[in-house]
PDB file of N, CA and C in Angstrom:
ATOM      1  N   UNK A   1      -0.005 -19.764  42.141  1.00  0.00           N
ATOM      2  CA  UNK A   1       0.367 -18.749  41.176  1.00  0.00           C
ATOM      3  C   UNK A   1      -0.872 -18.092  40.604  1.00  0.00           C
ATOM      4  N   UNK A   2      -0.871 -16.805  40.588  1.00  0.00           N
ATOM      5  CA  UNK A   2      -2.010 -16.066  40.072  1.00  0.00           C
ATOM      6  C   UNK A   2      -1.876 -15.815  38.574  1.00  0.00           C
ATOM      7  N   UNK A   3      -2.941 -15.387  37.979  1.00  0.00           N
ATOM      8  CA  UNK A   3      -2.950 -15.111  36.548  1.00  0.00           C
ATOM      9  C   UNK A   3      -2.434 -13.709  36.251  1.00  0.00           C
ATOM     10  N   UNK A   4      -2.207 -12.908  37.278  1.00  0.00           N
ATOM     11  CA  UNK A   4      -1.778 -11.529  37.087  1.00  0.00           C
ATOM     12  C   UNK A   4      -0.260 -11.434  37.121  1.00  0.00           C
ATOM     13  N   UNK A   5       0.272 -10.449  36.386  1.00  0.00           N
ATOM     14  CA  UNK A   5       1.710 -10.220  36.376  1.00  0.00           C
ATOM     15  C   UNK A   5       2.056  -9.164  37.416  1.00  0.00           C
ATOM     16  N   UNK A   6       3.234  -9.277  37.970  1.00  0.00           N
ATOM     17  CA  UNK A   6       3.664  -8.271  38.935  1.00  0.00           C
ATOM     18  C   UNK A   6       4.003  -6.979  38.190  1.00  0.00           C
ATOM     19  N   UNK A   7       4.136  -5.874  38.935  1.00  0.00           N
ATOM     20  CA  UNK A   7       4.453  -4.588  38.304  1.00  0.00           C
ATOM     21  C   UNK A   7       5.802  -4.659  37.596  1.00  0.00           C
ATOM     22  N   UNK A   8       6.751  -5.375  38.165  1.00  0.00           N
ATOM     23  CA  UNK A   8       8.075  -5.501  37.567  1.00  0.00           C
ATOM     24  C   UNK A   8       7.975  -6.247  36.229  1.00  0.00           C
ATOM     25  N   UNK A   9       7.172  -7.300  36.178  1.00  0.00           N
ATOM     26  CA  UNK A   9       7.013  -8.061  34.956  1.00  0.00           C
ATOM     27  C   UNK A   9       6.316  -7.241  33.870  1.00  0.00           C
ATOM     28  N   UNK A  10       5.382  -6.398  34.265  1.00  0.00           N
ATOM     29  CA  UNK A  10       4.669  -5.571  33.306  1.00  0.00           C
ATOM     30  C   UNK A  10       5.612  -4.540  32.686  1.00  0.00           C
ATOM     31  N   UNK A  11       6.451  -3.904  33.492  1.00  0.00           N
ATOM     32  CA  UNK A  11       7.357  -2.879  32.974  1.00  0.00           C
ATOM     33  C   UNK A  11       8.485  -3.488  32.158  1.00  0.00           C
ATOM     34  N   UNK A  12       8.843  -4.725  32.423  1.00  0.00           N
ATOM     35  CA  UNK A  12       9.930  -5.368  31.691  1.00  0.00           C
ATOM     36  C   UNK A  12       9.428  -6.158  30.481  1.00  0.00           C
ATOM     37  N   UNK A  13       8.134  -6.224  30.288  1.00  0.00           N
ATOM     38  CA  UNK A  13       7.578  -6.983  29.166  1.00  0.00           C
ATOM     39  C   UNK A  13       8.009  -6.346  27.857  1.00  0.00           C
ATOM     40  N   UNK A  14       8.401  -7.190  26.918  1.00  0.00           N
ATOM     41  CA  UNK A  14       8.859  -6.706  25.620  1.00  0.00           C
ATOM     42  C   UNK A  14       7.782  -6.997  24.578  1.00  0.00           C
ATOM     43  N   UNK A  15       7.653  -6.115  23.591  1.00  0.00           N
ATOM     44  CA  UNK A  15       6.652  -6.360  22.558  1.00  0.00           C
ATOM     45  C   UNK A  15       7.005  -7.614  21.761  1.00  0.00           C
ATOM     46  N   UNK A  16       5.987  -8.365  21.391  1.00  0.00           N
ATOM     47  CA  UNK A  16       6.229  -9.607  20.664  1.00  0.00           C
ATOM     48  C   UNK A  16       6.199  -9.397  19.160  1.00  0.00           C
ATOM     49  N   UNK A  17       5.495  -8.399  18.690  1.00  0.00           N
ATOM     50  CA  UNK A  17       5.402  -8.142  17.255  1.00  0.00           C
ATOM     51  C   UNK A  17       6.331  -7.004  16.871  1.00  0.00           C
ATOM     52  N   UNK A  18       7.010  -7.153  15.745  1.00  0.00           N
ATOM     53  CA  UNK A  18       7.897  -6.104  15.257  1.00  0.00           C
ATOM     54  C   UNK A  18       7.075  -5.012  14.595  1.00  0.00           C
ATOM     55  N   UNK A  19       7.475  -3.791  14.784  1.00  0.00           N
ATOM     56  CA  UNK A  19       6.801  -2.655  14.176  1.00  0.00           C
ATOM     57  C   UNK A  19       7.496  -2.369  12.853  1.00  0.00           C
ATOM     58  N   UNK A  20       6.707  -2.273  11.785  1.00  0.00           N
ATOM     59  CA  UNK A  20       7.282  -1.973  10.482  1.00  0.00           C
ATOM     60  C   UNK A  20       6.837  -0.588  10.038  1.00  0.00           C
ATOM     61  N   UNK A  21       7.689   0.077   9.323  1.00  0.00           N
ATOM     62  CA  UNK A  21       7.366   1.402   8.796  1.00  0.00           C
ATOM     63  C   UNK A  21       6.610   1.248   7.492  1.00  0.00           C
ATOM     64  N   UNK A  22       5.546   2.013   7.359  1.00  0.00           N
ATOM     65  CA  UNK A  22       4.777   1.999   6.131  1.00  0.00           C
ATOM     66  C   UNK A  22       5.465   2.904   5.114  1.00  0.00           C
ATOM     67  N   UNK A  23       5.442   2.520   3.830  1.00  0.00           N
ATOM     68  CA  UNK A  23       6.050   3.384   2.819  1.00  0.00           C
ATOM     69  C   UNK A  23       5.328   4.726   2.766  1.00  0.00           C
ATOM     70  N   UNK A  24       6.086   5.784   2.593  1.00  0.00           N
ATOM     71  CA  UNK A  24       5.485   7.109   2.550  1.00  0.00           C
ATOM     72  C   UNK A  24       5.342   7.616   1.127  1.00  0.00           C
ATOM     73  N   UNK A  25       5.952   6.924   0.162  1.00  0.00           N
ATOM     74  CA  UNK A  25       5.799   7.345  -1.224  1.00  0.00           C
ATOM     75  C   UNK A  25       5.063   6.259  -1.997  1.00  0.00           C
ATOM     76  N   UNK A  26       4.517   6.645  -3.118  1.00  0.00           N
ATOM     77  CA  UNK A  26       3.738   5.743  -3.968  1.00  0.00           C
ATOM     78  C   UNK A  26       4.623   4.593  -4.456  1.00  0.00           C
ATOM     79  N   UNK A  27       4.071   3.370  -4.495  1.00  0.00           N
ATOM     80  CA  UNK A  27       4.858   2.207  -4.897  1.00  0.00           C
ATOM     81  C   UNK A  27       4.861   1.980  -6.408  1.00  0.00           C
ATOM     82  N   UNK A  28       4.133   2.788  -7.167  1.00  0.00           N
ATOM     83  CA  UNK A  28       4.105   2.638  -8.624  1.00  0.00           C
ATOM     84  C   UNK A  28       5.469   2.979  -9.208  1.00  0.00           C
ATOM     85  N   UNK A  29       5.789   2.337 -10.327  1.00  0.00           N
ATOM     86  CA  UNK A  29       7.091   2.540 -10.970  1.00  0.00           C
ATOM     87  C   UNK A  29       7.339   4.006 -11.292  1.00  0.00           C
ATOM     88  N   UNK A  30       8.431   4.550 -10.795  1.00  0.00           N
ATOM     89  CA  UNK A  30       8.837   5.909 -11.130  1.00  0.00           C
ATOM     90  C   UNK A  30       8.080   7.030 -10.451  1.00  0.00           C
ATOM     91  N   UNK A  31       7.155   6.724  -9.573  1.00  0.00           N
ATOM     92  CA  UNK A  31       6.370   7.766  -8.921  1.00  0.00           C
ATOM     93  C   UNK A  31       7.003   8.135  -7.574  1.00  0.00           C
ATOM     94  N   UNK A  32       7.112   9.424  -7.318  1.00  0.00           N
ATOM     95  CA  UNK A  32       7.702   9.904  -6.066  1.00  0.00           C
ATOM     96  C   UNK A  32       6.689  10.634  -5.193  1.00  0.00           C
ATOM     97  N   UNK A  33       5.413  10.616  -5.601  1.00  0.00           N
ATOM     98  CA  UNK A  33       4.364  11.324  -4.860  1.00  0.00           C
ATOM     99  C   UNK A  33       4.079  10.615  -3.534  1.00  0.00           C
ATOM    100  N   UNK A  34       3.490  11.337  -2.610  1.00  0.00           N
ATOM    101  CA  UNK A  34       3.149  10.793  -1.301  1.00  0.00           C
ATOM    102  C   UNK A  34       1.975   9.829  -1.444  1.00  0.00           C
ATOM    103  N   UNK A  35       2.056   8.688  -0.769  1.00  0.00           N
ATOM    104  CA  UNK A  35       0.977   7.707  -0.845  1.00  0.00           C
ATOM    105  C   UNK A  35      -0.188   8.136   0.038  1.00  0.00           C
ATOM    106  N   UNK A  36      -1.403   7.860  -0.439  1.00  0.00           N
ATOM    107  CA  UNK A  36      -2.593   8.221   0.313  1.00  0.00           C
ATOM    108  C   UNK A  36      -3.450   7.002   0.624  1.00  0.00           C
ATOM    109  N   UNK A  37      -3.614   6.085  -0.342  1.00  0.00           N
ATOM    110  CA  UNK A  37      -4.452   4.904  -0.149  1.00  0.00           C
ATOM    111  C   UNK A  37      -3.721   3.670  -0.673  1.00  0.00           C
ATOM    112  N   UNK A  38      -3.628   2.634   0.159  1.00  0.00           N
ATOM    113  CA  UNK A  38      -3.006   1.359  -0.222  1.00  0.00           C
ATOM    114  C   UNK A  38      -1.617   1.551  -0.829  1.00  0.00           C
ATOM    115  N   UNK A  39      -0.851   2.465  -0.297  1.00  0.00           N
ATOM    116  CA  UNK A  39       0.521   2.764  -0.727  1.00  0.00           C
ATOM    117  C   UNK A  39       0.598   3.350  -2.140  1.00  0.00           C
ATOM    118  N   UNK A  40      -0.494   3.916  -2.628  1.00  0.00           N
ATOM    119  CA  UNK A  40      -0.526   4.578  -3.935  1.00  0.00           C
ATOM    120  C   UNK A  40      -0.901   6.045  -3.757  1.00  0.00           C
ATOM    121  N   UNK A  41      -0.428   6.879  -4.686  1.00  0.00           N
ATOM    122  CA  UNK A  41      -0.896   8.263  -4.728  1.00  0.00           C
ATOM    123  C   UNK A  41      -2.306   8.248  -5.318  1.00  0.00           C
ATOM    124  N   UNK A  42      -2.942   9.393  -5.406  1.00  0.00           N
ATOM    125  CA  UNK A  42      -4.326   9.469  -5.875  1.00  0.00           C
ATOM    126  C   UNK A  42      -4.451   8.939  -7.307  1.00  0.00           C
ATOM    127  N   UNK A  43      -3.562   9.372  -8.190  1.00  0.00           N
ATOM    128  CA  UNK A  43      -3.630   8.955  -9.592  1.00  0.00           C
ATOM    129  C   UNK A  43      -3.405   7.448  -9.742  1.00  0.00           C
ATOM    130  N   UNK A  44      -2.375   6.930  -9.101  1.00  0.00           N
ATOM    131  CA  UNK A  44      -2.065   5.513  -9.251  1.00  0.00           C
ATOM    132  C   UNK A  44      -3.041   4.614  -8.496  1.00  0.00           C
ATOM    133  N   UNK A  45      -3.731   5.122  -7.497  1.00  0.00           N
ATOM    134  CA  UNK A  45      -4.780   4.333  -6.859  1.00  0.00           C
ATOM    135  C   UNK A  45      -5.924   4.110  -7.843  1.00  0.00           C
ATOM    136  N   UNK A  46      -6.239   5.143  -8.607  1.00  0.00           N
ATOM    137  CA  UNK A  46      -7.263   5.001  -9.643  1.00  0.00           C
ATOM    138  C   UNK A  46      -6.811   3.981 -10.697  1.00  0.00           C
ATOM    139  N   UNK A  47      -5.545   4.016 -11.058  1.00  0.00           N
ATOM    140  CA  UNK A  47      -4.992   3.039 -11.998  1.00  0.00           C
ATOM    141  C   UNK A  47      -5.083   1.630 -11.418  1.00  0.00           C
ATOM    142  N   UNK A  48      -4.793   1.491 -10.123  1.00  0.00           N
ATOM    143  CA  UNK A  48      -4.865   0.188  -9.462  1.00  0.00           C
ATOM    144  C   UNK A  48      -6.290  -0.361  -9.515  1.00  0.00           C
ATOM    145  N   UNK A  49      -7.276   0.494  -9.281  1.00  0.00           N
ATOM    146  CA  UNK A  49      -8.677   0.068  -9.334  1.00  0.00           C
ATOM    147  C   UNK A  49      -9.064  -0.396 -10.730  1.00  0.00           C
ATOM    148  N   UNK A  50      -8.488   0.214 -11.752  1.00  0.00           N
ATOM    149  CA  UNK A  50      -8.807  -0.139 -13.140  1.00  0.00           C
ATOM    150  C   UNK A  50      -7.956  -1.286 -13.671  1.00  0.00           C
ATOM    151  N   UNK A  51      -6.978  -1.750 -12.895  1.00  0.00           N
ATOM    152  CA  UNK A  51      -6.135  -2.869 -13.321  1.00  0.00           C
ATOM    153  C   UNK A  51      -4.920  -2.454 -14.125  1.00  0.00           C
ATOM    154  N   UNK A  52      -4.580  -1.159 -14.123  1.00  0.00           N
ATOM    155  CA  UNK A  52      -3.415  -0.681 -14.864  1.00  0.00           C
ATOM    156  C   UNK A  52      -2.112  -0.888 -14.098  1.00  0.00           C
ATOM    157  N   UNK A  53      -2.198  -1.116 -12.801  1.00  0.00           N
ATOM    158  CA  UNK A  53      -1.034  -1.310 -11.951  1.00  0.00           C
ATOM    159  C   UNK A  53      -1.355  -2.449 -10.985  1.00  0.00           C
ATOM    160  N   UNK A  54      -0.373  -3.319 -10.740  1.00  0.00           N
ATOM    161  CA  UNK A  54      -0.565  -4.398  -9.776  1.00  0.00           C
ATOM    162  C   UNK A  54      -0.388  -3.873  -8.363  1.00  0.00           C
ATOM    163  N   UNK A  55      -0.635  -4.723  -7.385  1.00  0.00           N
ATOM    164  CA  UNK A  55      -0.516  -4.325  -5.979  1.00  0.00           C
ATOM    165  C   UNK A  55       0.909  -3.899  -5.623  1.00  0.00           C
ATOM    166  N   UNK A  56       1.893  -4.443  -6.320  1.00  0.00           N
ATOM    167  CA  UNK A  56       3.287  -4.101  -6.054  1.00  0.00           C
ATOM    168  C   UNK A  56       3.772  -2.902  -6.852  1.00  0.00           C
ATOM    169  N   UNK A  57       2.910  -2.339  -7.718  1.00  0.00           N
ATOM    170  CA  UNK A  57       3.272  -1.153  -8.482  1.00  0.00           C
ATOM    171  C   UNK A  57       3.776  -1.445  -9.881  1.00  0.00           C
ATOM    172  N   UNK A  58       3.779  -2.705 -10.280  1.00  0.00           N
ATOM    173  CA  UNK A  58       4.249  -3.083 -11.612  1.00  0.00           C
ATOM    174  C   UNK A  58       3.103  -2.982 -12.621  1.00  0.00           C
ATOM    175  N   UNK A  59       3.453  -2.737 -13.870  1.00  0.00           N
ATOM    176  CA  UNK A  59       2.451  -2.694 -14.935  1.00  0.00           C
ATOM    177  C   UNK A  59       2.197  -4.116 -15.434  1.00  0.00           C
ATOM    178  N   UNK A  60       0.947  -4.452 -15.760  1.00  0.00           N
ATOM    179  CA  UNK A  60       0.656  -5.787 -16.291  1.00  0.00           C
ATOM    180  C   UNK A  60       1.138  -5.926 -17.734  1.00  0.00           C
ATOM    181  N   UNK A  61       1.138  -7.149 -18.243  1.00  0.00           N
ATOM    182  CA  UNK A  61       1.604  -7.400 -19.612  1.00  0.00           C
ATOM    183  C   UNK A  61       0.742  -6.699 -20.650  1.00  0.00           C
ATOM    184  N   UNK A  62      -0.563  -6.619 -20.410  1.00  0.00           N
ATOM    185  CA  UNK A  62      -1.480  -5.991 -21.363  1.00  0.00           C
ATOM    186  C   UNK A  62      -1.794  -4.536 -20.985  1.00  0.00           C
ATOM    187  N   UNK A  63      -0.790  -3.824 -20.498  1.00  0.00           N
ATOM    188  CA  UNK A  63      -0.971  -2.449 -20.031  1.00  0.00           C
ATOM    189  C   UNK A  63      -1.506  -1.534 -21.125  1.00  0.00           C
ATOM    190  N   UNK A  64      -0.940  -1.632 -22.338  1.00  0.00           N
ATOM    191  CA  UNK A  64      -1.343  -0.729 -23.430  1.00  0.00           C
ATOM    192  C   UNK A  64      -2.827  -0.850 -23.739  1.00  0.00           C
ATOM    193  N   UNK A  65      -3.313  -2.072 -23.826  1.00  0.00           N
ATOM    194  CA  UNK A  65      -4.732  -2.314 -24.124  1.00  0.00           C
ATOM    195  C   UNK A  65      -5.614  -1.739 -23.008  1.00  0.00           C
ATOM    196  N   UNK A  66      -5.240  -2.004 -21.759  1.00  0.00           N
ATOM    197  CA  UNK A  66      -6.019  -1.517 -20.614  1.00  0.00           C
ATOM    198  C   UNK A  66      -5.969   0.012 -20.525  1.00  0.00           C
ATOM    199  N   UNK A  67      -4.812   0.605 -20.830  1.00  0.00           N
ATOM    200  CA  UNK A  67      -4.665   2.062 -20.750  1.00  0.00           C
ATOM    201  C   UNK A  67      -5.537   2.754 -21.788  1.00  0.00           C
ATOM    202  N   UNK A  68      -5.597   2.201 -23.007  1.00  0.00           N
ATOM    203  CA  UNK A  68      -6.442   2.785 -24.056  1.00  0.00           C
ATOM    204  C   UNK A  68      -7.902   2.737 -23.635  1.00  0.00           C
ATOM    205  N   UNK A  69      -8.333   1.593 -23.093  1.00  0.00           N
ATOM    206  CA  UNK A  69      -9.721   1.466 -22.619  1.00  0.00           C
ATOM    207  C   UNK A  69      -9.997   2.422 -21.462  1.00  0.00           C
ATOM    208  N   UNK A  70      -9.013   2.604 -20.583  1.00  0.00           N
ATOM    209  CA  UNK A  70      -9.140   3.527 -19.449  1.00  0.00           C
ATOM    210  C   UNK A  70      -9.335   4.962 -19.944  1.00  0.00           C
ATOM    211  N   UNK A  71      -8.546   5.372 -20.938  1.00  0.00           N
ATOM    212  CA  UNK A  71      -8.672   6.729 -21.477  1.00  0.00           C
ATOM    213  C   UNK A  71     -10.018   6.936 -22.157  1.00  0.00           C
ATOM    214  N   UNK A  72     -10.505   5.915 -22.873  1.00  0.00           N
ATOM    215  CA  UNK A  72     -11.805   6.026 -23.520  1.00  0.00           C
ATOM    216  C   UNK A  72     -12.910   6.163 -22.487  1.00  0.00           C
ATOM    217  N   UNK A  73     -12.827   5.387 -21.425  1.00  0.00           N
ATOM    218  CA  UNK A  73     -13.847   5.443 -20.375  1.00  0.00           C
ATOM    219  C   UNK A  73     -13.823   6.786 -19.647  1.00  0.00           C
ATOM    220  N   UNK A  74     -12.617   7.299 -19.414  1.00  0.00           N
ATOM    221  CA  UNK A  74     -12.473   8.557 -18.709  1.00  0.00           C
ATOM    222  C   UNK A  74     -12.958   9.739 -19.556  1.00  0.00           C
ATOM    223  N   UNK A  75     -12.783   9.663 -20.878  1.00  0.00           N
ATOM    224  CA  UNK A  75     -13.213  10.742 -21.769  1.00  0.00           C
ATOM    225  C   UNK A  75     -14.732  10.799 -21.890  1.00  0.00           C
ATOM    226  N   UNK A  76     -15.381   9.672 -21.717  1.00  0.00           N
ATOM    227  CA  UNK A  76     -16.845   9.625 -21.895  1.00  0.00           C
ATOM    228  C   UNK A  76     -17.597  10.237 -20.748  1.00  0.00           C
TER     229      UNK A  76
END
């Protein structure tokens, strides 16, 4: 037996991994914008980097404190 597959086996081979569709809209709560980076729109990706939004799009418990600091940093 050789290590090579016959032409029939190659054409009948089925993919082993399932293909999943990537989300096309931002995963942040209430956002309907198109996602650009890590499933976030441009604005919410910046929020994700600052810790205002979790990877799943949820706000953390201390969102208000972080948001105030974010606005102060952005204004400066």
